[in-house]
C-alpha atoms as a PDB file:
ATOM      1  CA  UNK A   1      31.040  -4.408 -20.014  1.00  0.00           C
ATOM      2  CA  UNK A   2      33.444  -2.319 -18.037  1.00  0.00           C
ATOM      3  CA  UNK A   3      33.132  -0.135 -15.074  1.00  0.00           C
ATOM      4  CA  UNK A   4      33.418   3.327 -17.393  1.00  0.00           C
ATOM      5  CA  UNK A   5      30.242   1.698 -19.577  1.00  0.00           C
ATOM      6  CA  UNK A   6      27.738   0.825 -16.661  1.00  0.00           C
ATOM      7  CA  UNK A   7      25.095   3.276 -16.081  1.00  0.00           C
ATOM      8  CA  UNK A   8      25.465   6.090 -13.297  1.00  0.00           C
ATOM      9  CA  UNK A   9      22.997   5.948 -11.125  1.00  0.00           C
ATOM     10  CA  UNK A  10      22.014   8.295  -8.236  1.00  0.00           C
ATOM     11  CA  UNK A  11      19.580   7.539  -4.584  1.00  0.00           C
ATOM     12  CA  UNK A  12      17.408   9.716  -4.508  1.00  0.00           C
ATOM     13  CA  UNK A  13      15.098   9.353  -1.247  1.00  0.00           C
ATOM     14  CA  UNK A  14      15.847   9.403   2.462  1.00  0.00           C
ATOM     15  CA  UNK A  15      19.585   7.936   3.150  1.00  0.00           C
ATOM     16  CA  UNK A  16      17.767   6.245   6.697  1.00  0.00           C
ATOM     17  CA  UNK A  17      16.295   3.751   4.719  1.00  0.00           C
ATOM     18  CA  UNK A  18      19.603   2.734   2.619  1.00  0.00           C
ATOM     19  CA  UNK A  19      20.817   0.220   4.887  1.00  0.00           C
ATOM     20  CA  UNK A  20      17.826  -1.777   4.987  1.00  0.00           C
ATOM     21  CA  UNK A  21      16.809  -1.249   1.017  1.00  0.00           C
ATOM     22  CA  UNK A  22      20.047  -2.450   0.198  1.00  0.00           C
ATOM     23  CA  UNK A  23      21.796  -4.415   2.431  1.00  0.00           C
ATOM     24  CA  UNK A  24      25.579  -4.894   1.987  1.00  0.00           C
ATOM     25  CA  UNK A  25      25.556  -7.743  -0.575  1.00  0.00           C
ATOM     26  CA  UNK A  26      22.519  -6.460  -2.061  1.00  0.00           C
ATOM     27  CA  UNK A  27      24.269  -3.016  -2.222  1.00  0.00           C
ATOM     28  CA  UNK A  28      27.717  -4.525  -4.167  1.00  0.00           C
ATOM     29  CA  UNK A  29      25.448  -6.640  -6.132  1.00  0.00           C
ATOM     30  CA  UNK A  30      23.868  -3.261  -7.460  1.00  0.00           C
ATOM     31  CA  UNK A  31      27.449  -1.656  -8.064  1.00  0.00           C
ATOM     32  CA  UNK A  32      28.017  -4.339 -10.120  1.00  0.00           C
ATOM     33  CA  UNK A  33      25.113  -3.303 -12.947  1.00  0.00           C
ATOM     34  CA  UNK A  34      25.440   0.679 -12.096  1.00  0.00           C
ATOM     35  CA  UNK A  35      28.231   3.775 -10.950  1.00  0.00           C
ATOM     36  CA  UNK A  36      26.555   4.492  -8.594  1.00  0.00           C
ATOM     37  CA  UNK A  37      28.274   6.394  -4.525  1.00  0.00           C
ATOM     38  CA  UNK A  38      26.183   5.451  -1.380  1.00  0.00           C
ATOM     39  CA  UNK A  39      27.017   8.054   0.248  1.00  0.00           C
ATOM     40  CA  UNK A  40      25.583  10.255  -2.026  1.00  0.00           C
ATOM     41  CA  UNK A  41      21.824  10.519  -1.849  1.00  0.00           C
ATOM     42  CA  UNK A  42      19.797  13.786  -2.719  1.00  0.00           C
ATOM     43  CA  UNK A  43      17.122  14.825  -0.927  1.00  0.00           C
ATOM     44  CA  UNK A  44      16.741  18.368  -2.496  1.00  0.00           C
ATOM     45  CA  UNK A  45      17.036  18.693  -6.352  1.00  0.00           C
ATOM     46  CA  UNK A  46      17.595  22.494  -5.587  1.00  0.00           C
ATOM     47  CA  UNK A  47      20.277  22.216  -3.018  1.00  0.00           C
ATOM     48  CA  UNK A  48      24.370  22.708  -3.783  1.00  0.00           C
ATOM     49  CA  UNK A  49      25.919  19.843  -5.331  1.00  0.00           C
ATOM     50  CA  UNK A  50      22.556  18.361  -6.482  1.00  0.00           C
ATOM     51  CA  UNK A  51      22.914  19.646 -10.240  1.00  0.00           C
ATOM     52  CA  UNK A  52      26.645  18.017 -10.671  1.00  0.00           C
ATOM     53  CA  UNK A  53      25.583  14.557  -9.166  1.00  0.00           C
ATOM     54  CA  UNK A  54      21.887  14.557 -11.034  1.00  0.00           C
ATOM     55  CA  UNK A  55      23.269  16.083 -14.616  1.00  0.00           C
ATOM     56  CA  UNK A  56      25.083  13.222 -15.585  1.00  0.00           C
ATOM     57  CA  UNK A  57      22.423  10.301 -14.233  1.00  0.00           C
ATOM     58  CA  UNK A  58      21.018   8.037 -16.525  1.00  0.00           C
ATOM     59  CA  UNK A  59      18.797   5.986 -13.527  1.00  0.00           C
ATOM     60  CA  UNK A  60      17.467   7.358 -10.742  1.00  0.00           C
ATOM     61  CA  UNK A  61      16.720   4.859  -7.362  1.00  0.00           C
ATOM     62  CA  UNK A  62      14.419   6.687  -5.410  1.00  0.00           C
ATOM     63  CA  UNK A  63      12.524   5.777  -2.277  1.00  0.00           C
ATOM     64  CA  UNK A  64      10.137   7.625   0.743  1.00  0.00           C
ATOM     65  CA  UNK A  65      11.757  11.310   1.113  1.00  0.00           C
ATOM     66  CA  UNK A  66      12.203  11.579  -2.260  1.00  0.00           C
ATOM     67  CA  UNK A  67      11.537  14.918  -3.550  1.00  0.00           C
ATOM     68  CA  UNK A  68       8.736  14.816  -5.960  1.00  0.00           C
ATOM     69  CA  UNK A  69       9.966  14.563  -9.578  1.00  0.00           C
ATOM     70  CA  UNK A  70       8.461  17.866 -11.695  1.00  0.00           C
ATOM     71  CA  UNK A  71      10.295  20.301 -14.083  1.00  0.00           C
ATOM     72  CA  UNK A  72      12.935  21.228 -11.924  1.00  0.00           C
ATOM     73  CA  UNK A  73      14.227  17.304 -11.118  1.00  0.00           C
ATOM     74  CA  UNK A  74      13.598  17.032 -15.005  1.00  0.00           C
ATOM     75  CA  UNK A  75      15.935  19.879 -16.027  1.00  0.00           C
ATOM     76  CA  UNK A  76      18.359  18.768 -13.835  1.00  0.00           C
ATOM     77  CA  UNK A  77      18.889  15.139 -15.050  1.00  0.00           C
ATOM     78  CA  UNK A  78      18.994  15.992 -19.056  1.00  0.00           C
ATOM     79  CA  UNK A  79      20.561  12.553 -19.317  1.00  0.00           C
ATOM     80  CA  UNK A  80      17.390  10.442 -16.739  1.00  0.00           C
ATOM     81  CA  UNK A  81      16.297   7.711 -18.819  1.00  0.00           C
ATOM     82  CA  UNK A  82      14.604   5.533 -15.992  1.00  0.00           C
ATOM     83  CA  UNK A  83      13.240   6.210 -12.312  1.00  0.00           C
ATOM     84  CA  UNK A  84      13.243   2.745 -10.565  1.00  0.00           C
ATOM     85  CA  UNK A  85      11.213   3.261  -6.903  1.00  0.00           C
ATOM     86  CA  UNK A  86      12.230   1.114  -4.273  1.00  0.00           C
ATOM     87  CA  UNK A  87       8.932   1.794  -2.471  1.00  0.00           C
ATOM     88  CA  UNK A  88       4.871   1.941  -3.614  1.00  0.00           C
ATOM     89  CA  UNK A  89       3.065   3.610  -5.892  1.00  0.00           C
ATOM     90  CA  UNK A  90       4.614   6.403  -7.882  1.00  0.00           C
ATOM     91  CA  UNK A  91       1.310   8.385  -8.057  1.00  0.00           C
ATOM     92  CA  UNK A  92       2.392  11.757  -6.232  1.00  0.00           C
ATOM     93  CA  UNK A  93       5.741  11.191  -7.065  1.00  0.00           C
ATOM     94  CA  UNK A  94       6.472  11.488 -11.223  1.00  0.00           C
ATOM     95  CA  UNK A  95       5.222  14.754 -12.777  1.00  0.00           C
ATOM     96  CA  UNK A  96       4.420  15.348 -16.506  1.00  0.00           C
ATOM     97  CA  UNK A  97       7.567  16.261 -17.785  1.00  0.00           C
ATOM     98  CA  UNK A  98       9.436  12.986 -17.193  1.00  0.00           C
ATOM     99  CA  UNK A  99       6.331  11.160 -18.104  1.00  0.00           C
ATOM    100  CA  UNK A 100       5.828  13.247 -21.161  1.00  0.00           C
ATOM    101  CA  UNK A 101       9.629  12.797 -21.683  1.00  0.00           C
ATOM    102  CA  UNK A 102       8.927   8.603 -22.067  1.00  0.00           C
ATOM    103  CA  UNK A 103      11.487   8.060 -19.101  1.00  0.00           C
ATOM    104  CA  UNK A 104      10.684   4.296 -18.153  1.00  0.00           C
ATOM    105  CA  UNK A 105       9.428   4.299 -14.644  1.00  0.00           C
ATOM    106  CA  UNK A 106       9.331   0.854 -12.528  1.00  0.00           C
ATOM    107  CA  UNK A 107       8.177   0.341  -8.440  1.00  0.00           C
ATOM    108  CA  UNK A 108       8.856  -1.930  -6.495  1.00  0.00           C
ATOM    109  CA  UNK A 109       4.812  -1.351  -5.453  1.00  0.00           C
ATOM    110  CA  UNK A 110       3.866  -5.185  -6.071  1.00  0.00           C
ATOM    111  CA  UNK A 111       6.566  -6.089  -3.228  1.00  0.00           C
ATOM    112  CA  UNK A 112       5.327  -3.611  -1.086  1.00  0.00           C
ATOM    113  CA  UNK A 113       1.446  -5.063  -1.485  1.00  0.00           C
ATOM    114  CA  UNK A 114       2.433  -8.337  -0.067  1.00  0.00           C
ATOM    115  CA  UNK A 115       3.121  -7.322   4.013  1.00  0.00           C
ATOM    116  CA  UNK A 116       0.323  -5.080   3.540  1.00  0.00           C
ATOM    117  CA  UNK A 117      -2.158  -8.169   1.740  1.00  0.00           C
ATOM    118  CA  UNK A 118      -0.880 -10.508   4.850  1.00  0.00           C
ATOM    119  CA  UNK A 119      -1.678  -7.583   7.492  1.00  0.00           C
ATOM    120  CA  UNK A 120      -5.219  -7.258   5.750  1.00  0.00           C
ATOM    121  CA  UNK A 121      -5.820 -10.933   5.991  1.00  0.00           C
ATOM    122  CA  UNK A 122      -4.205 -11.477   9.211  1.00  0.00           C
ATOM    123  CA  UNK A 123      -6.718  -8.936  10.885  1.00  0.00           C
ATOM    124  CA  UNK A 124     -10.060 -10.636   8.776  1.00  0.00           C
ATOM    125  CA  UNK A 125      -8.580 -13.843  10.493  1.00  0.00           C
ATOM    126  CA  UNK A 126      -8.740 -12.145  13.889  1.00  0.00           C
ATOM    127  CA  UNK A 127     -11.574  -9.880  13.071  1.00  0.00           C
ATOM    128  CA  UNK A 128     -13.769 -13.322  12.140  1.00  0.00           C
ATOM    129  CA  UNK A 129     -12.922 -14.350  15.422  1.00  0.00           C
ATOM    130  CA  UNK A 130     -14.069 -11.406  17.097  1.00  0.00           C
ATOM    131  CA  UNK A 131     -10.305 -11.359  19.132  1.00  0.00           C
ATOM    132  CA  UNK A 132     -10.569  -7.684  19.944  1.00  0.00           C
ATOM    133  CA  UNK A 133     -13.537  -7.804  21.670  1.00  0.00           C
ATOM    134  CA  UNK A 134     -12.949 -11.165  23.452  1.00  0.00           C
ATOM    135  CA  UNK A 135      -9.491  -9.663  24.629  1.00  0.00           C
ATOM    136  CA  UNK A 136     -11.510  -6.703  26.110  1.00  0.00           C
ATOM    137  CA  UNK A 137     -13.934  -8.550  27.650  1.00  0.00           C
ATOM    138  CA  UNK A 138     -11.235 -10.974  29.158  1.00  0.00           C
ATOM    139  CA  UNK A 139      -9.196  -8.065  30.298  1.00  0.00           C
ATOM    140  CA  UNK A 140     -11.459  -7.054  32.519  1.00  0.00           C
ATOM    141  CA  UNK A 141     -13.209  -9.736  34.088  1.00  0.00           C
ATOM    142  CA  UNK A 142     -10.447 -12.182  33.989  1.00  0.00           C
ATOM    143  CA  UNK A 143     -13.163 -14.780  33.357  1.00  0.00           C
ATOM    144  CA  UNK A 144     -13.783 -16.906  29.236  1.00  0.00           C
ATOM    145  CA  UNK A 145     -16.874 -15.481  27.739  1.00  0.00           C
ATOM    146  CA  UNK A 146     -20.068 -17.740  28.636  1.00  0.00           C
ATOM    147  CA  UNK A 147     -21.367 -19.319  25.185  1.00  0.00           C
ATOM    148  CA  UNK A 148     -24.023 -17.696  24.343  1.00  0.00           C
ATOM    149  CA  UNK A 149     -21.506 -14.554  23.918  1.00  0.00           C
ATOM    150  CA  UNK A 150     -19.670 -16.886  21.479  1.00  0.00           C
ATOM    151  CA  UNK A 151     -21.921 -17.861  18.764  1.00  0.00           C
ATOM    152  CA  UNK A 152     -21.675 -15.409  16.358  1.00  0.00           C
ATOM    153  CA  UNK A 153     -17.496 -15.948  16.679  1.00  0.00           C
ATOM    154  CA  UNK A 154     -16.001 -17.665  13.377  1.00  0.00           C
ATOM    155  CA  UNK A 155     -14.638 -18.039  10.344  1.00  0.00           C
ATOM    156  CA  UNK A 156     -16.724 -20.607   8.468  1.00  0.00           C
ATOM    157  CA  UNK A 157     -18.625 -18.669   5.810  1.00  0.00           C
ATOM    158  CA  UNK A 158     -17.649 -15.453   6.876  1.00  0.00           C
ATOM    159  CA  UNK A 159     -18.653 -12.895   4.027  1.00  0.00           C
ATOM    160  CA  UNK A 160     -15.494 -10.562   3.255  1.00  0.00           C
ATOM    161  CA  UNK A 161     -15.446  -7.175   0.660  1.00  0.00           C
ATOM    162  CA  UNK A 162     -12.904  -6.414  -1.094  1.00  0.00           C
ATOM    163  CA  UNK A 163     -13.077  -2.862  -2.352  1.00  0.00           C
ATOM    164  CA  UNK A 164     -10.319  -2.640  -5.071  1.00  0.00           C
ATOM    165  CA  UNK A 165      -8.759  -5.370  -6.755  1.00  0.00           C
ATOM    166  CA  UNK A 166      -5.265  -2.856  -7.074  1.00  0.00           C
ATOM    167  CA  UNK A 167      -2.124  -5.157  -6.464  1.00  0.00           C
ATOM    168  CA  UNK A 168      -2.934  -5.294  -2.709  1.00  0.00           C
ATOM    169  CA  UNK A 169      -6.577  -6.220  -3.336  1.00  0.00           C
ATOM    170  CA  UNK A 170      -5.445  -9.239  -6.167  1.00  0.00           C
ATOM    171  CA  UNK A 171      -2.707 -10.281  -3.994  1.00  0.00           C
ATOM    172  CA  UNK A 172      -5.269 -10.340  -0.499  1.00  0.00           C
ATOM    173  CA  UNK A 173      -7.792 -12.365  -2.831  1.00  0.00           C
ATOM    174  CA  UNK A 174      -5.002 -15.316  -3.494  1.00  0.00           C
ATOM    175  CA  UNK A 175      -3.901 -15.327   0.383  1.00  0.00           C
ATOM    176  CA  UNK A 176      -7.805 -15.162   0.959  1.00  0.00           C
ATOM    177  CA  UNK A 177      -8.429 -18.736  -1.304  1.00  0.00           C
ATOM    178  CA  UNK A 178      -7.405 -21.255   1.570  1.00  0.00           C
ATOM    179  CA  UNK A 179      -9.796 -20.297   3.681  1.00  0.00           C
ATOM    180  CA  UNK A 180     -13.692 -20.660   3.968  1.00  0.00           C
ATOM    181  CA  UNK A 181     -14.784 -17.032   3.378  1.00  0.00           C
ATOM    182  CA  UNK A 182     -17.554 -15.892   1.000  1.00  0.00           C
ATOM    183  CA  UNK A 183     -15.178 -13.354  -1.440  1.00  0.00           C
ATOM    184  CA  UNK A 184     -17.235 -10.668  -2.634  1.00  0.00           C
ATOM    185  CA  UNK A 185     -15.847  -7.589  -4.785  1.00  0.00           C
ATOM    186  CA  UNK A 186     -15.930  -4.179  -6.170  1.00  0.00           C
ATOM    187  CA  UNK A 187     -13.907  -2.899  -8.932  1.00  0.00           C
ATOM    188  CA  UNK A 188     -15.744  -0.932 -11.973  1.00  0.00           C
ATOM    189  CA  UNK A 189     -12.384  -1.854 -13.674  1.00  0.00           C
ATOM    190  CA  UNK A 190     -13.014  -5.614 -13.215  1.00  0.00           C
ATOM    191  CA  UNK A 191     -15.429  -8.204 -15.097  1.00  0.00           C
ATOM    192  CA  UNK A 192     -17.646 -10.680 -13.398  1.00  0.00           C
ATOM    193  CA  UNK A 193     -15.395 -13.462 -15.444  1.00  0.00           C
ATOM    194  CA  UNK A 194     -12.334 -11.638 -13.989  1.00  0.00           C
ATOM    195  CA  UNK A 195     -13.322 -11.501 -10.439  1.00  0.00           C
ATOM    196  CA  UNK A 196     -14.351 -15.145 -10.303  1.00  0.00           C
ATOM    197  CA  UNK A 197     -11.340 -15.596 -11.861  1.00  0.00           C
ATOM    198  CA  UNK A 198     -10.001 -13.939  -9.021  1.00  0.00           C
ATOM    199  CA  UNK A 199     -12.376 -16.280  -6.571  1.00  0.00           C
ATOM    200  CA  UNK A 200     -15.022 -13.596  -5.570  1.00  0.00           C
ATOM    201  CA  UNK A 201     -18.493 -12.266  -6.604  1.00  0.00           C
ATOM    202  CA  UNK A 202     -18.276  -8.941  -8.692  1.00  0.00           C
ATOM    203  CA  UNK A 203     -21.329  -6.502  -6.643  1.00  0.00           C
ATOM    204  CA  UNK A 204     -21.658  -3.373  -7.068  1.00  0.00           C
ATOM    205  CA  UNK A 205     -20.693  -0.958  -4.020  1.00  0.00           C
ATOM    206  CA  UNK A 206     -23.617  -0.762  -1.933  1.00  0.00           C
ATOM    207  CA  UNK A 207     -24.917  -3.982  -2.428  1.00  0.00           C
ATOM    208  CA  UNK A 208     -21.008  -5.010  -1.175  1.00  0.00           C
ATOM    209  CA  UNK A 209     -21.086  -2.882   2.156  1.00  0.00           C
ATOM    210  CA  UNK A 210     -25.078  -4.265   2.773  1.00  0.00           C
ATOM    211  CA  UNK A 211     -23.719  -8.082   2.252  1.00  0.00           C
ATOM    212  CA  UNK A 212     -20.297  -8.253   4.142  1.00  0.00           C
ATOM    213  CA  UNK A 213     -19.520  -9.487   7.255  1.00  0.00           C
ATOM    214  CA  UNK A 214     -16.023  -7.848   7.118  1.00  0.00           C
ATOM    215  CA  UNK A 215     -15.180  -4.906   4.608  1.00  0.00           C
ATOM    216  CA  UNK A 216     -11.217  -4.201   4.381  1.00  0.00           C
ATOM    217  CA  UNK A 217     -10.170  -1.106   1.407  1.00  0.00           C
ATOM    218  CA  UNK A 218      -7.702  -1.570  -1.033  1.00  0.00           C
ATOM    219  CA  UNK A 219      -8.487   1.180  -4.068  1.00  0.00           C
ATOM    220  CA  UNK A 220      -6.207   3.316  -4.912  1.00  0.00           C
ATOM    221  CA  UNK A 221      -6.164   7.742  -3.125  1.00  0.00           C
ATOM    222  CA  UNK A 222      -7.731   9.332  -6.313  1.00  0.00           C
ATOM    223  CA  UNK A 223     -10.067  12.498  -6.471  1.00  0.00           C
ATOM    224  CA  UNK A 224     -12.649   9.530  -7.568  1.00  0.00           C
ATOM    225  CA  UNK A 225     -12.429   7.468  -4.285  1.00  0.00           C
ATOM    226  CA  UNK A 226     -12.346  10.225  -1.829  1.00  0.00           C
ATOM    227  CA  UNK A 227     -14.471   9.805   0.722  1.00  0.00           C
ATOM    228  CA  UNK A 228     -16.003   6.254  -1.236  1.00  0.00           C
ATOM    229  CA  UNK A 229     -17.393   5.500   2.272  1.00  0.00           C
ATOM    230  CA  UNK A 230     -19.073   8.766   2.715  1.00  0.00           C
ATOM    231  CA  UNK A 231     -21.616   8.795   5.835  1.00  0.00           C
ATOM    232  CA  UNK A 232     -24.552   7.147   3.793  1.00  0.00           C
ATOM    233  CA  UNK A 233     -21.859   4.330   2.647  1.00  0.00           C
ATOM    234  CA  UNK A 234     -21.174   3.797   6.004  1.00  0.00           C
ATOM    235  CA  UNK A 235     -24.833   3.811   7.050  1.00  0.00           C
ATOM    236  CA  UNK A 236     -25.597   0.460   4.687  1.00  0.00           C
ATOM    237  CA  UNK A 237     -22.896  -1.805   6.672  1.00  0.00           C
ATOM    238  CA  UNK A 238     -24.444  -3.977   8.665  1.00  0.00           C
ATOM    239  CA  UNK A 239     -24.750  -3.621  12.683  1.00  0.00           C
ATOM    240  CA  UNK A 240     -21.450  -5.386  14.315  1.00  0.00           C
ATOM    241  CA  UNK A 241     -19.415  -5.403  11.112  1.00  0.00           C
ATOM    242  CA  UNK A 242     -16.144  -4.595  11.094  1.00  0.00           C
ATOM    243  CA  UNK A 243     -14.174  -1.936   8.256  1.00  0.00           C
ATOM    244  CA  UNK A 244     -10.568  -2.289   7.840  1.00  0.00           C
ATOM    245  CA  UNK A 245      -8.379   0.282   6.012  1.00  0.00           C
ATOM    246  CA  UNK A 246      -4.476  -0.351   5.278  1.00  0.00           C
ATOM    247  CA  UNK A 247      -5.065   1.343   2.101  1.00  0.00           C
ATOM    248  CA  UNK A 248      -5.683   5.290   2.819  1.00  0.00           C
ATOM    249  CA  UNK A 249      -7.667   7.566   4.885  1.00  0.00           C
ATOM    250  CA  UNK A 250      -8.774   9.637   2.525  1.00  0.00           C
ATOM    251  CA  UNK A 251     -11.139   6.981   1.325  1.00  0.00           C
ATOM    252  CA  UNK A 252     -13.107   7.148   4.185  1.00  0.00           C
ATOM    253  CA  UNK A 253     -15.532  10.416   5.808  1.00  0.00           C
ATOM    254  CA  UNK A 254     -13.635   9.712   8.992  1.00  0.00           C
ATOM    255  CA  UNK A 255     -16.158  12.051  10.735  1.00  0.00           C
ATOM    256  CA  UNK A 256     -18.599  10.317   9.855  1.00  0.00           C
ATOM    257  CA  UNK A 257     -17.047   6.938  10.630  1.00  0.00           C
ATOM    258  CA  UNK A 258     -16.011   8.618  14.014  1.00  0.00           C
ATOM    259  CA  UNK A 259     -19.672   9.401  14.653  1.00  0.00           C
ATOM    260  CA  UNK A 260     -20.396   4.970  14.222  1.00  0.00           C
ATOM    261  CA  UNK A 261     -17.518   3.957  15.664  1.00  0.00           C
ATOM    262  CA  UNK A 262     -18.464   6.015  19.257  1.00  0.00           C
ATOM    263  CA  UNK A 263     -22.166   4.575  19.196  1.00  0.00           C
ATOM    264  CA  UNK A 264     -21.083   1.335  18.733  1.00  0.00           C
ATOM    265  CA  UNK A 265     -22.464   0.349  16.103  1.00  0.00           C
ATOM    266  CA  UNK A 266     -19.443  -0.320  13.723  1.00  0.00           C
ATOM    267  CA  UNK A 267     -15.857  -2.110  14.536  1.00  0.00           C
ATOM    268  CA  UNK A 268     -12.494  -1.117  12.822  1.00  0.00           C
ATOM    269  CA  UNK A 269      -9.393  -2.007  12.279  1.00  0.00           C
ATOM    270  CA  UNK A 270      -7.672   1.185  11.497  1.00  0.00           C
ATOM    271  CA  UNK A 271      -3.908   1.155   9.470  1.00  0.00           C
ATOM    272  CA  UNK A 272      -4.734   4.667   8.117  1.00  0.00           C
ATOM    273  CA  UNK A 273      -6.799   7.845   9.373  1.00  0.00           C
ATOM    274  CA  UNK A 274      -7.178  10.680   7.941  1.00  0.00           C
ATOM    275  CA  UNK A 275      -5.406  13.107   9.387  1.00  0.00           C
ATOM    276  CA  UNK A 276      -2.812  10.790   9.889  1.00  0.00           C
ATOM    277  CA  UNK A 277      -1.743  10.914  12.789  1.00  0.00           C
ATOM    278  CA  UNK A 278      -5.069  11.183  14.678  1.00  0.00           C
ATOM    279  CA  UNK A 279      -5.400  14.274  16.841  1.00  0.00           C
ATOM    280  CA  UNK A 280      -4.115  13.102  20.457  1.00  0.00           C
ATOM    281  CA  UNK A 281      -7.453  13.628  21.692  1.00  0.00           C
ATOM    282  CA  UNK A 282      -9.430  11.506  18.595  1.00  0.00           C
ATOM    283  CA  UNK A 283     -11.701   9.414  20.582  1.00  0.00           C
ATOM    284  CA  UNK A 284     -10.174   6.328  18.380  1.00  0.00           C
ATOM    285  CA  UNK A 285      -6.899   6.129  20.101  1.00  0.00           C
ATOM    286  CA  UNK A 286      -9.101   4.733  23.319  1.00  0.00           C
ATOM    287  CA  UNK A 287     -12.370   3.407  22.140  1.00  0.00           C
ATOM    288  CA  UNK A 288     -12.972  -0.815  22.742  1.00  0.00           C
ATOM    289  CA  UNK A 289     -14.260  -1.426  19.024  1.00  0.00           C
ATOM    290  CA  UNK A 290     -12.063   0.666  17.393  1.00  0.00           C
ATOM    291  CA  UNK A 291      -7.950  -1.680  16.883  1.00  0.00           C
ATOM    292  CA  UNK A 292      -5.464   1.659  15.873  1.00  0.00           C
ATOM    293  CA  UNK A 293      -1.787   1.030  14.452  1.00  0.00           C
ATOM    294  CA  UNK A 294       0.394   3.595  12.967  1.00  0.00           C
ATOM    295  CA  UNK A 295       0.493   2.734   9.105  1.00  0.00           C
ATOM    296  CA  UNK A 296       2.570  -0.488   9.636  1.00  0.00           C
ATOM    297  CA  UNK A 297       0.840  -2.767   7.045  1.00  0.00           C
ATOM    298  CA  UNK A 298       3.286  -1.528   4.000  1.00  0.00           C
ATOM    299  CA  UNK A 299       7.015  -3.062   4.614  1.00  0.00           C
ATOM    300  CA  UNK A 300       8.576  -2.166   7.617  1.00  0.00           C
ATOM    301  CA  UNK A 301      12.065  -3.840   8.712  1.00  0.00           C
ATOM    302  CA  UNK A 302      13.566  -6.749   7.224  1.00  0.00           C
ATOM    303  CA  UNK A 303      10.881  -6.322   4.603  1.00  0.00           C
ATOM    304  CA  UNK A 304      12.305  -3.304   3.064  1.00  0.00           C
ATOM    305  CA  UNK A 305      14.965  -5.687   1.103  1.00  0.00           C
ATOM    306  CA  UNK A 306      12.609  -7.243  -0.637  1.00  0.00           C
ATOM    307  CA  UNK A 307      11.717  -3.892  -2.372  1.00  0.00           C
ATOM    308  CA  UNK A 308      15.482  -2.928  -3.112  1.00  0.00           C
ATOM    309  CA  UNK A 309      15.863  -6.815  -4.373  1.00  0.00           C
ATOM    310  CA  UNK A 310      13.144  -5.745  -6.818  1.00  0.00           C
ATOM    311  CA  UNK A 311      14.866  -2.201  -8.060  1.00  0.00           C
ATOM    312  CA  UNK A 312      18.192  -4.353  -8.804  1.00  0.00           C
ATOM    313  CA  UNK A 313      16.758  -6.437 -10.576  1.00  0.00           C
ATOM    314  CA  UNK A 314      15.077  -4.547 -13.033  1.00  0.00           C
ATOM    315  CA  UNK A 315      18.392  -2.789 -12.953  1.00  0.00           C
ATOM    316  CA  UNK A 316      20.172  -5.682 -14.352  1.00  0.00           C
ATOM    317  CA  UNK A 317      17.225  -6.998 -16.558  1.00  0.00           C
ATOM    318  CA  UNK A 318      17.032  -3.058 -18.425  1.00  0.00           C
ATOM    319  CA  UNK A 319      21.357  -3.914 -18.516  1.00  0.00           C
ATOM    320  CA  UNK A 320      20.632  -7.050 -19.945  1.00  0.00           C
ATOM    321  CA  UNK A 321      18.344  -5.229 -22.681  1.00  0.00           C
ATOM    322  CA  UNK A 322      15.249  -6.852 -21.603  1.00  0.00           C
ATOM    323  CA  UNK A 323      11.930  -4.551 -20.236  1.00  0.00           C
ATOM    324  CA  UNK A 324      12.129  -4.059 -16.599  1.00  0.00           C
ATOM    325  CA  UNK A 325       9.380  -6.443 -15.163  1.00  0.00           C
ATOM    326  CA  UNK A 326       7.734  -4.103 -13.115  1.00  0.00           C
ATOM    327  CA  UNK A 327       7.091  -1.413 -15.285  1.00  0.00           C
ATOM    328  CA  UNK A 328       4.276   1.562 -14.223  1.00  0.00           C
ATOM    329  CA  UNK A 329       2.551   2.956 -17.255  1.00  0.00           C
ATOM    330  CA  UNK A 330       0.802   6.025 -16.490  1.00  0.00           C
ATOM    331  CA  UNK A 331      -2.659   4.993 -17.702  1.00  0.00           C
ATOM    332  CA  UNK A 332      -2.430   2.570 -14.901  1.00  0.00           C
ATOM    333  CA  UNK A 333      -2.423   4.783 -12.453  1.00  0.00           C
ATOM    334  CA  UNK A 334      -5.804   5.344 -11.990  1.00  0.00           C
ATOM    335  CA  UNK A 335      -7.336   2.400 -11.285  1.00  0.00           C
ATOM    336  CA  UNK A 336      -4.386   0.563  -9.206  1.00  0.00           C
ATOM    337  CA  UNK A 337      -3.049   1.285  -6.429  1.00  0.00           C
END
């Protein structure tokens, strides 16, 4: 195929991400598959010059910082046939017009799921060893804990409740298999047989909360899941249990969670919050039973290249007449993260 026959692609994202998503060898591979100028990155579809770039675009390669692809973007890009997203979910990115026009949408969400699942597994293992509480004691007392304080420590037979068989949830379930956990799962779209195949016991949400030592959230952020862990459901979690949230802060009633944490009844590992970031005066920054991180579970640093590789692979498949491997269908967005 001559260069003139290659599809024309345009980047639409915050350009700060480009060097890590597409390092030089990967960018060269991309440019063998599409006509694309790395120096041209659209951040505002209404900006001067954006129209002339978009009117000839066959493919948009999007990422964090891309404006929403609404009716204005659809009108500006009449030839657009595919959106390849070098990041996570496209739920809030792609508007109705492009879906209705039949534009192919692909996402590197599966690649982004791996570091989130890895982070979640790491935190589950650390929580089971009560690492954070032991660190606080050791830092203050400078002496090892007495044996009596270690009686409830350990990961053997620990009950881990996974909320959501999303891409992250399923990847986490895979990573949990080699460990001696009892794994529980809640997901309204999964059958008991599906859960068993994933290595988990399917339970109603309230039962999962009552039985779990560690609860980890991996449900999508949709209206039906907002504050799914409200004050009443948080109260179901047993004393001393750990809540891990690497999904979205909106899944938890943070006022109710703060009350539980200030009271010391629960422990929490929170990579996401509501709001994000929390106000500077929030007690969650300093509570000894809270481990707070600034939304770092997803792809960062050298992990971004994995997302770029997925996008380039998708473009190569499409150029060869093959269907994309990571296509997103609109109907799936109600049940996956």
